[in-house]
Amino acid sequence: MRELDFVREEKLQEAWQDVQWNFMEDVEKDMEGQIEDWLNRVLRLQADLQLQAGRYQRSLERLDYRAGYRTRTLATPKGVFVLKVPRARSLSLRFTVFDQYQRLWKRVNHLLCQIYLGGCSTRRTGEVLE
């Protein structure tokens, strides 16, 4: 017959919970990086479609030329992403990822309105959003 060592089993259970927590944290960080890369790729593709030419591509159908990028932050429920928004020399580019002058994802904006209407102070609003 085997004796049960509850102290050892509790330590194993704590270690397993630590492993799970660390794994999920790593997965979330990796997903955030991939989401940011994906959003930047979508922005570049939409710029290519509007300019009718890819980067460094010469064509007669080209409507305008690229003029670098501007960085822009976008707050989403999964975190704040820094996006590189393509610019053109004279053409005004429009993107479907976010509306013009939008800095907050619609769900985040709705959540902020609910917090404000609930009577939270400004300092407490930041704590709630974190």
N, C-alpha and C. Protein backbone atom coordinates (compact mmCIF):
# COMPACT_ATOMS: atom_id res chain seq x y z
N MET A 1 0.84 -1.17 0.00
CA MET A 1 0.00 0.00 0.00
C MET A 1 0.90 1.25 0.00
N ARG A 2 0.49 2.24 -0.74
CA ARG A 2 1.27 3.46 -0.90
C ARG A 2 0.75 4.54 0.04
N GLU A 3 1.69 5.27 0.65
CA GLU A 3 1.29 6.39 1.50
C GLU A 3 1.17 7.63 0.66
N LEU A 4 0.16 8.42 0.95
CA LEU A 4 -0.04 9.66 0.21
C LEU A 4 0.78 10.77 0.86
N ASP A 5 1.48 11.50 0.00
CA ASP A 5 2.27 12.65 0.46
C ASP A 5 1.56 13.90 -0.04
N PHE A 6 0.67 14.47 0.81
CA PHE A 6 -0.15 15.60 0.39
C PHE A 6 0.66 16.85 0.15
N VAL A 7 1.75 17.02 0.86
CA VAL A 7 2.59 18.21 0.67
C VAL A 7 3.19 18.19 -0.73
N ARG A 8 3.66 17.04 -1.14
CA ARG A 8 4.26 16.90 -2.45
C ARG A 8 3.22 17.12 -3.55
N GLU A 9 2.02 16.57 -3.37
CA GLU A 9 0.97 16.73 -4.36
C GLU A 9 0.52 18.18 -4.46
N GLU A 10 0.47 18.90 -3.34
CA GLU A 10 0.12 20.31 -3.38
C GLU A 10 1.18 21.11 -4.13
N LYS A 11 2.44 20.77 -3.91
CA LYS A 11 3.52 21.47 -4.62
C LYS A 11 3.44 21.19 -6.12
N LEU A 12 3.10 19.97 -6.48
CA LEU A 12 2.94 19.64 -7.90
C LEU A 12 1.77 20.42 -8.50
N GLN A 13 0.70 20.53 -7.76
CA GLN A 13 -0.46 21.26 -8.25
C GLN A 13 -0.12 22.75 -8.41
N GLU A 14 0.60 23.34 -7.46
CA GLU A 14 1.01 24.74 -7.56
C GLU A 14 1.95 24.94 -8.76
N ALA A 15 2.87 23.98 -8.94
CA ALA A 15 3.80 24.08 -10.06
C ALA A 15 3.05 24.00 -11.38
N TRP A 16 2.05 23.13 -11.45
CA TRP A 16 1.25 22.99 -12.68
C TRP A 16 0.47 24.27 -12.97
N GLN A 17 -0.07 24.91 -11.95
CA GLN A 17 -0.79 26.16 -12.13
C GLN A 17 0.16 27.27 -12.61
N ASP A 18 1.38 27.29 -12.08
CA ASP A 18 2.38 28.26 -12.53
C ASP A 18 2.73 28.05 -14.00
N VAL A 19 2.89 26.80 -14.40
CA VAL A 19 3.20 26.48 -15.79
C VAL A 19 2.06 26.93 -16.70
N GLN A 20 0.82 26.65 -16.31
CA GLN A 20 -0.33 27.06 -17.11
C GLN A 20 -0.40 28.58 -17.23
N TRP A 21 -0.19 29.29 -16.12
CA TRP A 21 -0.27 30.75 -16.13
C TRP A 21 0.82 31.34 -17.04
N ASN A 22 2.06 30.82 -16.91
CA ASN A 22 3.16 31.31 -17.75
C ASN A 22 2.91 31.02 -19.22
N PHE A 23 2.37 29.84 -19.52
CA PHE A 23 2.08 29.47 -20.90
C PHE A 23 1.04 30.42 -21.50
N MET A 24 -0.04 30.67 -20.77
CA MET A 24 -1.09 31.55 -21.27
C MET A 24 -0.58 32.97 -21.46
N GLU A 25 0.28 33.42 -20.56
CA GLU A 25 0.85 34.77 -20.69
C GLU A 25 1.71 34.85 -21.96
N ASP A 26 2.52 33.82 -22.21
CA ASP A 26 3.35 33.81 -23.43
C ASP A 26 2.49 33.76 -24.69
N VAL A 27 1.42 32.98 -24.66
CA VAL A 27 0.53 32.89 -25.82
C VAL A 27 -0.12 34.24 -26.10
N GLU A 28 -0.58 34.92 -25.04
CA GLU A 28 -1.21 36.23 -25.22
C GLU A 28 -0.23 37.25 -25.79
N LYS A 29 1.00 37.27 -25.31
CA LYS A 29 2.01 38.21 -25.83
C LYS A 29 2.30 37.92 -27.30
N ASP A 30 2.41 36.63 -27.64
CA ASP A 30 2.67 36.25 -29.02
C ASP A 30 1.50 36.65 -29.92
N MET A 31 0.28 36.44 -29.45
CA MET A 31 -0.90 36.81 -30.24
C MET A 31 -0.98 38.31 -30.45
N GLU A 32 -0.63 39.10 -29.42
CA GLU A 32 -0.66 40.55 -29.56
C GLU A 32 0.32 41.00 -30.64
N GLY A 33 1.51 40.40 -30.66
CA GLY A 33 2.48 40.74 -31.69
C GLY A 33 1.99 40.35 -33.08
N GLN A 34 1.35 39.19 -33.18
CA GLN A 34 0.84 38.75 -34.47
C GLN A 34 -0.33 39.62 -34.94
N ILE A 35 -1.17 40.05 -34.02
CA ILE A 35 -2.30 40.92 -34.40
C ILE A 35 -1.77 42.24 -34.93
N GLU A 36 -0.75 42.80 -34.26
CA GLU A 36 -0.17 44.06 -34.71
C GLU A 36 0.44 43.91 -36.11
N ASP A 37 1.17 42.82 -36.34
CA ASP A 37 1.74 42.56 -37.67
C ASP A 37 0.65 42.42 -38.72
N TRP A 38 -0.42 41.70 -38.37
CA TRP A 38 -1.53 41.49 -39.30
C TRP A 38 -2.20 42.81 -39.65
N LEU A 39 -2.46 43.65 -38.65
CA LEU A 39 -3.08 44.95 -38.91
C LEU A 39 -2.20 45.81 -39.82
N ASN A 40 -0.88 45.79 -39.58
CA ASN A 40 0.03 46.56 -40.43
C ASN A 40 0.03 46.03 -41.87
N ARG A 41 -0.05 44.71 -42.03
CA ARG A 41 -0.12 44.13 -43.38
C ARG A 41 -1.40 44.54 -44.10
N VAL A 42 -2.52 44.55 -43.37
CA VAL A 42 -3.79 44.97 -43.96
C VAL A 42 -3.70 46.42 -44.42
N LEU A 43 -3.09 47.27 -43.61
CA LEU A 43 -2.93 48.68 -43.99
C LEU A 43 -2.09 48.81 -45.26
N ARG A 44 -0.99 48.04 -45.35
CA ARG A 44 -0.14 48.10 -46.56
C ARG A 44 -0.89 47.61 -47.79
N LEU A 45 -1.67 46.53 -47.64
CA LEU A 45 -2.42 46.01 -48.78
C LEU A 45 -3.49 46.99 -49.25
N GLN A 46 -4.17 47.63 -48.31
CA GLN A 46 -5.18 48.61 -48.69
C GLN A 46 -4.54 49.81 -49.38
N ALA A 47 -3.36 50.20 -48.94
CA ALA A 47 -2.65 51.30 -49.61
C ALA A 47 -2.27 50.88 -51.02
N ASP A 48 -1.80 49.65 -51.19
CA ASP A 48 -1.45 49.15 -52.53
C ASP A 48 -2.66 49.19 -53.46
N LEU A 49 -3.82 48.78 -52.95
CA LEU A 49 -5.03 48.77 -53.78
C LEU A 49 -5.45 50.19 -54.17
N GLN A 50 -5.33 51.12 -53.25
CA GLN A 50 -5.75 52.49 -53.55
C GLN A 50 -4.78 53.20 -54.48
N LEU A 51 -3.49 52.88 -54.34
CA LEU A 51 -2.48 53.50 -55.21
C LEU A 51 -2.36 52.76 -56.54
N GLN A 52 -2.92 51.57 -56.60
CA GLN A 52 -2.88 50.69 -57.77
C GLN A 52 -1.46 50.32 -58.16
N ALA A 53 -0.61 50.19 -57.16
CA ALA A 53 0.76 49.72 -57.36
C ALA A 53 1.35 49.34 -56.01
N GLY A 54 2.15 48.28 -56.01
CA GLY A 54 2.81 47.84 -54.79
C GLY A 54 4.04 48.68 -54.49
N ARG A 55 4.67 48.37 -53.38
CA ARG A 55 5.89 49.09 -53.03
C ARG A 55 6.98 48.79 -54.06
N TYR A 56 7.65 49.82 -54.49
CA TYR A 56 8.76 49.72 -55.46
C TYR A 56 8.32 49.16 -56.81
N GLN A 57 7.05 49.18 -57.09
CA GLN A 57 6.53 48.65 -58.35
C GLN A 57 6.28 49.80 -59.32
N ARG A 58 6.72 49.64 -60.54
CA ARG A 58 6.49 50.65 -61.58
C ARG A 58 5.32 50.19 -62.44
N SER A 59 4.34 51.06 -62.62
CA SER A 59 3.22 50.72 -63.50
C SER A 59 2.59 52.00 -64.03
N LEU A 60 1.92 51.88 -65.17
CA LEU A 60 1.26 53.03 -65.77
C LEU A 60 -0.06 53.36 -65.07
N GLU A 61 -0.62 52.38 -64.34
CA GLU A 61 -1.90 52.59 -63.66
C GLU A 61 -1.76 53.28 -62.31
N ARG A 62 -0.53 53.51 -61.88
CA ARG A 62 -0.29 54.10 -60.56
C ARG A 62 -0.98 55.45 -60.45
N LEU A 63 -1.70 55.66 -59.33
CA LEU A 63 -2.42 56.92 -59.11
C LEU A 63 -1.58 57.94 -58.33
N ASP A 64 -0.71 57.46 -57.45
CA ASP A 64 0.10 58.36 -56.62
C ASP A 64 1.31 57.58 -56.11
N TYR A 65 2.19 58.27 -55.41
CA TYR A 65 3.40 57.66 -54.87
C TYR A 65 3.34 57.65 -53.34
N ARG A 66 4.01 56.69 -52.76
CA ARG A 66 4.05 56.58 -51.31
C ARG A 66 4.89 57.72 -50.72
N ALA A 67 4.56 58.07 -49.48
CA ALA A 67 5.30 59.12 -48.78
C ALA A 67 5.61 58.68 -47.36
N GLY A 68 6.00 57.43 -47.19
CA GLY A 68 6.38 56.92 -45.87
C GLY A 68 5.19 56.49 -45.04
N TYR A 69 5.40 56.54 -43.73
CA TYR A 69 4.40 56.10 -42.77
C TYR A 69 4.25 57.14 -41.67
N ARG A 70 3.16 57.05 -40.96
CA ARG A 70 3.02 57.77 -39.70
C ARG A 70 2.57 56.75 -38.67
N THR A 71 3.09 56.86 -37.49
CA THR A 71 2.72 55.92 -36.44
C THR A 71 1.44 56.38 -35.77
N ARG A 72 0.65 55.41 -35.38
CA ARG A 72 -0.64 55.71 -34.77
C ARG A 72 -0.96 54.61 -33.77
N THR A 73 -1.45 54.98 -32.62
CA THR A 73 -1.82 53.98 -31.63
C THR A 73 -3.32 53.70 -31.74
N LEU A 74 -3.68 52.46 -31.52
CA LEU A 74 -5.07 52.04 -31.56
C LEU A 74 -5.33 51.17 -30.33
N ALA A 75 -6.22 51.62 -29.45
CA ALA A 75 -6.56 50.88 -28.23
C ALA A 75 -7.69 49.90 -28.54
N THR A 76 -7.43 48.63 -28.27
CA THR A 76 -8.42 47.58 -28.49
C THR A 76 -8.62 46.82 -27.18
N PRO A 77 -9.61 45.95 -27.10
CA PRO A 77 -9.77 45.15 -25.88
C PRO A 77 -8.58 44.23 -25.61
N LYS A 78 -7.78 43.93 -26.61
CA LYS A 78 -6.62 43.06 -26.43
C LYS A 78 -5.32 43.83 -26.17
N GLY A 79 -5.39 45.15 -26.08
CA GLY A 79 -4.21 45.95 -25.80
C GLY A 79 -4.10 47.13 -26.75
N VAL A 80 -3.03 47.87 -26.57
CA VAL A 80 -2.78 49.04 -27.41
C VAL A 80 -1.75 48.64 -28.47
N PHE A 81 -2.10 48.89 -29.73
CA PHE A 81 -1.22 48.53 -30.84
C PHE A 81 -0.67 49.78 -31.49
N VAL A 82 0.60 49.73 -31.87
CA VAL A 82 1.23 50.82 -32.60
C VAL A 82 1.24 50.43 -34.07
N LEU A 83 0.49 51.19 -34.88
CA LEU A 83 0.35 50.87 -36.30
C LEU A 83 1.17 51.84 -37.13
N LYS A 84 1.68 51.34 -38.24
CA LYS A 84 2.38 52.18 -39.22
C LYS A 84 1.42 52.42 -40.38
N VAL A 85 0.82 53.60 -40.41
CA VAL A 85 -0.19 53.93 -41.41
C VAL A 85 0.51 54.51 -42.64
N PRO A 86 0.36 53.88 -43.81
CA PRO A 86 0.99 54.40 -45.03
C PRO A 86 0.41 55.75 -45.43
N ARG A 87 1.27 56.57 -46.02
CA ARG A 87 0.84 57.87 -46.53
C ARG A 87 1.16 57.94 -48.02
N ALA A 88 0.44 58.80 -48.71
CA ALA A 88 0.70 59.05 -50.13
C ALA A 88 1.01 60.53 -50.31
N ARG A 89 1.63 60.87 -51.44
CA ARG A 89 2.03 62.27 -51.65
C ARG A 89 0.83 63.20 -51.74
N SER A 90 -0.12 62.92 -52.61
CA SER A 90 -1.24 63.85 -52.77
C SER A 90 -2.61 63.18 -52.56
N LEU A 91 -2.68 61.89 -52.69
CA LEU A 91 -3.94 61.16 -52.53
C LEU A 91 -4.22 60.92 -51.05
N SER A 92 -5.47 61.12 -50.63
CA SER A 92 -5.87 60.86 -49.25
C SER A 92 -6.30 59.40 -49.14
N LEU A 93 -5.53 58.60 -48.42
CA LEU A 93 -5.82 57.17 -48.29
C LEU A 93 -6.86 56.94 -47.20
N ARG A 94 -7.77 56.02 -47.44
CA ARG A 94 -8.80 55.63 -46.47
C ARG A 94 -8.61 54.15 -46.15
N PHE A 95 -8.81 53.80 -44.88
CA PHE A 95 -8.59 52.44 -44.43
C PHE A 95 -9.83 51.91 -43.73
N THR A 96 -10.07 50.59 -43.86
CA THR A 96 -11.23 49.97 -43.22
C THR A 96 -10.90 49.42 -41.84
N VAL A 97 -9.64 49.41 -41.46
CA VAL A 97 -9.26 48.89 -40.15
C VAL A 97 -9.83 49.79 -39.05
N PHE A 98 -9.81 51.10 -39.27
CA PHE A 98 -10.35 52.05 -38.31
C PHE A 98 -10.88 53.26 -39.07
N ASP A 99 -11.77 54.00 -38.41
CA ASP A 99 -12.30 55.22 -39.01
C ASP A 99 -11.27 56.33 -38.90
N GLN A 100 -11.48 57.39 -39.66
CA GLN A 100 -10.57 58.52 -39.62
C GLN A 100 -10.63 59.15 -38.22
N TYR A 101 -9.48 59.47 -37.67
CA TYR A 101 -9.31 60.06 -36.33
C TYR A 101 -9.73 59.14 -35.20
N GLN A 102 -9.95 57.89 -35.46
CA GLN A 102 -10.33 56.94 -34.41
C GLN A 102 -9.09 56.45 -33.69
N ARG A 103 -9.08 56.53 -32.38
CA ARG A 103 -7.97 56.05 -31.57
C ARG A 103 -8.38 54.87 -30.69
N LEU A 104 -9.69 54.71 -30.50
CA LEU A 104 -10.21 53.63 -29.66
C LEU A 104 -11.08 52.70 -30.49
N TRP A 105 -10.95 51.41 -30.22
CA TRP A 105 -11.81 50.42 -30.84
C TRP A 105 -13.22 50.68 -30.34
N LYS A 106 -14.24 50.35 -31.10
CA LYS A 106 -15.62 50.70 -30.73
C LYS A 106 -16.03 50.10 -29.39
N ARG A 107 -15.60 48.87 -29.10
CA ARG A 107 -15.95 48.25 -27.82
C ARG A 107 -15.31 48.99 -26.66
N VAL A 108 -14.07 49.45 -26.83
CA VAL A 108 -13.38 50.20 -25.78
C VAL A 108 -14.08 51.53 -25.56
N ASN A 109 -14.46 52.20 -26.63
CA ASN A 109 -15.16 53.47 -26.53
C ASN A 109 -16.50 53.29 -25.80
N HIS A 110 -17.23 52.22 -26.12
CA HIS A 110 -18.50 51.94 -25.47
C HIS A 110 -18.28 51.67 -23.97
N LEU A 111 -17.23 50.93 -23.65
CA LEU A 111 -16.92 50.63 -22.26
C LEU A 111 -16.58 51.91 -21.49
N LEU A 112 -15.82 52.81 -22.11
CA LEU A 112 -15.49 54.09 -21.47
C LEU A 112 -16.75 54.91 -21.20
N CYS A 113 -17.68 54.92 -22.13
CA CYS A 113 -18.94 55.65 -21.93
C CYS A 113 -19.72 55.06 -20.76
N GLN A 114 -19.77 53.75 -20.66
CA GLN A 114 -20.49 53.11 -19.56
C GLN A 114 -19.84 53.43 -18.22
N ILE A 115 -18.51 53.41 -18.17
CA ILE A 115 -17.80 53.72 -16.93
C ILE A 115 -18.07 55.16 -16.52
N TYR A 116 -18.03 56.08 -17.49
CA TYR A 116 -18.27 57.49 -17.21
C TYR A 116 -19.69 57.72 -16.71
N LEU A 117 -20.66 57.10 -17.39
CA LEU A 117 -22.05 57.26 -16.98
C LEU A 117 -22.33 56.58 -15.64
N GLY A 118 -21.52 55.60 -15.29
CA GLY A 118 -21.65 54.94 -13.99
C GLY A 118 -21.15 55.79 -12.84
N GLY A 119 -20.47 56.89 -13.15
CA GLY A 119 -20.03 57.81 -12.11
C GLY A 119 -18.63 57.58 -11.60
N CYS A 120 -17.80 56.82 -12.32
CA CYS A 120 -16.42 56.59 -11.89
C CYS A 120 -15.60 57.87 -12.08
N SER A 121 -14.63 58.05 -11.19
CA SER A 121 -13.73 59.19 -11.34
C SER A 121 -12.73 58.91 -12.47
N THR A 122 -12.02 59.92 -12.89
CA THR A 122 -11.06 59.76 -13.97
C THR A 122 -9.95 58.77 -13.58
N ARG A 123 -9.45 58.89 -12.37
CA ARG A 123 -8.40 57.99 -11.91
C ARG A 123 -8.90 56.55 -11.86
N ARG A 124 -10.09 56.37 -11.37
CA ARG A 124 -10.67 55.02 -11.25
C ARG A 124 -10.97 54.43 -12.63
N THR A 125 -11.29 55.28 -13.60
CA THR A 125 -11.55 54.81 -14.97
C THR A 125 -10.31 54.12 -15.54
N GLY A 126 -9.14 54.69 -15.33
CA GLY A 126 -7.90 54.06 -15.79
C GLY A 126 -7.66 52.72 -15.14
N GLU A 127 -7.94 52.62 -13.86
CA GLU A 127 -7.77 51.35 -13.15
C GLU A 127 -8.73 50.30 -13.68
N VAL A 128 -9.96 50.70 -13.94
CA VAL A 128 -10.96 49.75 -14.45
C VAL A 128 -10.56 49.24 -15.83
N LEU A 129 -10.04 50.13 -16.69
CA LEU A 129 -9.66 49.72 -18.04
C LEU A 129 -8.48 48.74 -18.04
N GLU A 130 -7.57 48.90 -17.10
CA GLU A 130 -6.44 47.96 -17.03
C GLU A 130 -6.92 46.59 -16.69
